[in-house]
């Protein structure tokens, strides 16, 4: 499967491959994703339920690399409990945009806000719908390198570069 031109800005081959696999449908059903199709991605993926009443997300599962970055399992942990209070509002706003628009969110740069030092990497966040219509989950993939400050992963000031691609543009 090829990557839609609207997602040409994705850099990491693993992120590109996941996007190519999942970007074809305008609203991906969770049940259509078979972990057996993405064994190369499982270490870096995470799945969150959207909790609309609480305006929060709860991790349903996270791969080993995600848990390692946080220093613990994040399964069943709310985003608001995982992030420092100051970091929660901007991350929530990004994830809500993925849900509400719906859009594919992409970040390149310092991907972890709750770790002592910037961690360069790349993250993609995709909307999912249990019923095939209303987004009620997000699937993410975060790849990072704790031993590098490779300039290809960081913007000039080290900030996270964000891009949102509406599903309608695919």
Protein backbone atom coordinates (compact mmCIF):
# COMPACT_ATOMS: atom_id res chain seq x y z
CA UNK A 1 0.00 0.00 0.00
CA UNK A 2 1.34 3.42 -0.89
CA UNK A 3 1.44 6.52 1.28
CA UNK A 4 -1.03 9.25 0.26
CA UNK A 5 0.72 12.36 -1.05
CA UNK A 6 -0.84 14.43 1.77
CA UNK A 7 1.37 12.45 4.19
CA UNK A 8 4.68 12.83 2.33
CA UNK A 9 6.05 14.86 5.28
CA UNK A 10 6.28 11.71 7.45
CA UNK A 11 9.94 10.73 7.88
CA UNK A 12 10.51 7.53 9.82
CA UNK A 13 9.93 4.42 7.65
CA UNK A 14 7.93 2.74 10.44
CA UNK A 15 5.64 5.74 10.80
CA UNK A 16 5.24 5.94 7.03
CA UNK A 17 4.40 2.23 6.79
CA UNK A 18 1.76 2.44 9.53
CA UNK A 19 0.21 5.52 7.92
CA UNK A 20 0.15 3.84 4.51
CA UNK A 21 -1.58 0.82 6.00
CA UNK A 22 -4.22 2.79 7.90
CA UNK A 23 -4.75 6.01 5.95
CA UNK A 24 -6.73 4.44 3.14
CA UNK A 25 -10.10 4.47 4.88
CA UNK A 26 -11.80 7.71 5.86
CA UNK A 27 -12.63 6.31 9.30
CA UNK A 28 -10.78 3.22 10.50
CA UNK A 29 -12.63 0.67 12.58
CA UNK A 30 -10.65 -0.67 15.54
CA UNK A 31 -11.78 -4.20 14.69
CA UNK A 32 -10.16 -3.90 11.23
CA UNK A 33 -6.68 -3.55 12.71
CA UNK A 34 -5.00 -6.90 13.09
CA UNK A 35 -1.82 -6.85 15.21
CA UNK A 36 -0.55 -9.74 13.10
CA UNK A 37 -0.36 -7.28 10.15
CA UNK A 38 1.94 -4.89 12.02
CA UNK A 39 4.38 -6.94 14.13
CA UNK A 40 7.16 -4.47 13.27
CA UNK A 41 5.11 -1.62 14.81
CA UNK A 42 3.77 -3.16 18.01
CA UNK A 43 6.68 -2.05 20.18
CA UNK A 44 5.94 1.60 19.30
CA UNK A 45 2.14 1.76 19.11
CA UNK A 46 -0.42 2.82 21.68
CA UNK A 47 -4.19 2.90 21.77
CA UNK A 48 -6.32 5.29 23.80
CA UNK A 49 -10.04 5.43 24.45
CA UNK A 50 -11.55 8.88 24.20
CA UNK A 51 -13.54 9.81 27.32
CA UNK A 52 -15.78 12.64 26.03
CA UNK A 53 -17.54 13.31 29.33
CA UNK A 54 -14.21 13.87 31.06
CA UNK A 55 -12.41 15.46 28.07
CA UNK A 56 -9.58 13.00 28.58
CA UNK A 57 -8.05 9.85 27.10
CA UNK A 58 -7.21 6.55 28.76
CA UNK A 59 -4.50 4.26 27.45
CA UNK A 60 -5.92 0.88 26.54
CA UNK A 61 -2.54 -0.55 25.57
CA UNK A 62 0.99 0.55 24.86
CA UNK A 63 3.97 -1.17 23.29
CA UNK A 64 7.19 -1.87 25.12
CA UNK A 65 9.01 1.23 23.80
CA UNK A 66 6.18 3.47 25.01
CA UNK A 67 6.18 1.91 28.48
CA UNK A 68 10.00 2.18 28.61
CA UNK A 69 9.82 5.89 27.79
CA UNK A 70 7.42 6.45 30.68
CA UNK A 71 9.25 4.12 33.04
CA UNK A 72 6.11 2.06 33.68
CA UNK A 73 3.12 0.50 32.01
CA UNK A 74 0.66 3.15 30.91
CA UNK A 75 -2.22 0.73 30.30
CA UNK A 76 -5.41 2.00 31.98
CA UNK A 77 -3.71 5.34 32.84
CA UNK A 78 -5.46 8.59 31.91
CA UNK A 79 -3.54 11.12 29.87
CA UNK A 80 -4.29 13.72 32.56
CA UNK A 81 -2.62 11.48 35.16
CA UNK A 82 0.39 10.73 32.98
CA UNK A 83 1.41 14.24 31.98
CA UNK A 84 2.50 17.15 34.18
CA UNK A 85 -0.35 19.63 34.69
CA UNK A 86 1.26 22.24 32.42
CA UNK A 87 1.78 19.75 29.58
CA UNK A 88 -1.73 18.28 29.61
CA UNK A 89 -3.72 21.11 27.93
CA UNK A 90 -1.64 21.36 24.72
CA UNK A 91 -1.44 17.58 24.29
CA UNK A 92 -5.17 17.25 24.96
CA UNK A 93 -5.88 19.94 22.37
CA UNK A 94 -3.86 18.04 19.75
CA UNK A 95 -5.59 14.74 20.46
CA UNK A 96 -9.03 16.39 20.48
CA UNK A 97 -8.31 17.82 17.05
CA UNK A 98 -7.57 14.31 15.79
CA UNK A 99 -10.93 13.15 17.21
CA UNK A 100 -13.11 16.15 16.32
CA UNK A 101 -11.88 16.99 12.82
CA UNK A 102 -11.10 13.98 12.26
CA UNK A 103 -7.48 14.28 11.21
CA UNK A 104 -4.16 12.51 11.34
CA UNK A 105 -1.88 14.29 13.77
CA UNK A 106 1.87 14.27 13.22
CA UNK A 107 4.64 15.55 15.46
CA UNK A 108 8.34 15.76 14.78
CA UNK A 109 10.75 16.89 17.46
CA UNK A 110 10.68 16.58 21.25
CA UNK A 111 8.00 13.89 21.57
CA UNK A 112 7.90 13.43 25.35
CA UNK A 113 6.91 16.27 27.69
CA UNK A 114 6.99 14.30 30.92
CA UNK A 115 10.60 13.20 30.71
CA UNK A 116 13.50 15.25 32.15
CA UNK A 117 15.12 16.05 28.83
CA UNK A 118 13.82 16.44 25.28
CA UNK A 119 13.57 13.11 23.48
CA UNK A 120 13.82 13.49 19.69
CA UNK A 121 11.39 11.45 17.68
CA UNK A 122 8.29 11.26 15.56
CA UNK A 123 4.67 10.59 16.46
CA UNK A 124 1.56 9.93 14.43
CA UNK A 125 -1.95 9.87 15.89
CA UNK A 126 -4.85 8.39 13.92
CA UNK A 127 -8.58 8.51 14.68
CA UNK A 128 -10.44 5.22 15.12
CA UNK A 129 -14.15 4.47 15.39
CA UNK A 130 -15.64 1.39 17.02
CA UNK A 131 -18.80 1.82 14.96
CA UNK A 132 -17.03 2.97 11.79
CA UNK A 133 -18.50 6.48 12.07
CA UNK A 134 -17.84 8.34 15.34
CA UNK A 135 -14.24 8.62 16.53
CA UNK A 136 -13.96 7.16 20.02
CA UNK A 137 -10.31 6.01 20.06
CA UNK A 138 -6.94 7.13 18.82
CA UNK A 139 -4.11 4.93 17.65
CA UNK A 140 -0.64 6.35 17.93
CA UNK A 141 2.88 5.39 17.07
CA UNK A 142 5.83 7.09 18.71
CA UNK A 143 9.39 6.35 17.63
CA UNK A 144 12.25 8.02 19.44
CA UNK A 145 15.97 7.92 20.11
CA UNK A 146 17.03 8.65 23.68
CA UNK A 147 20.70 8.66 22.71
CA UNK A 148 20.50 11.18 19.90
CA UNK A 149 19.86 14.81 19.22
CA UNK A 150 19.80 14.16 15.48
CA UNK A 151 18.82 17.48 13.87
CA UNK A 152 16.56 15.65 11.41
CA UNK A 153 14.22 14.92 14.30
CA UNK A 154 14.25 18.37 15.86
CA UNK A 155 13.12 21.76 14.70
CA UNK A 156 15.67 24.58 14.98
CA UNK A 157 14.48 25.47 18.50
CA UNK A 158 13.86 21.86 19.56
CA UNK A 159 10.09 22.35 19.69
CA UNK A 160 7.60 19.83 18.36
CA UNK A 161 6.62 20.56 14.76
CA UNK A 162 2.94 19.71 14.32
CA UNK A 163 0.99 18.89 11.18
CA UNK A 164 -2.67 17.87 10.98
CA UNK A 165 -3.99 16.20 7.85
CA UNK A 166 -7.79 16.00 7.66
CA UNK A 167 -9.03 12.56 6.68
CA UNK A 168 -11.05 14.30 3.98
CA UNK A 169 -7.73 15.31 2.31
CA UNK A 170 -6.74 11.68 1.82
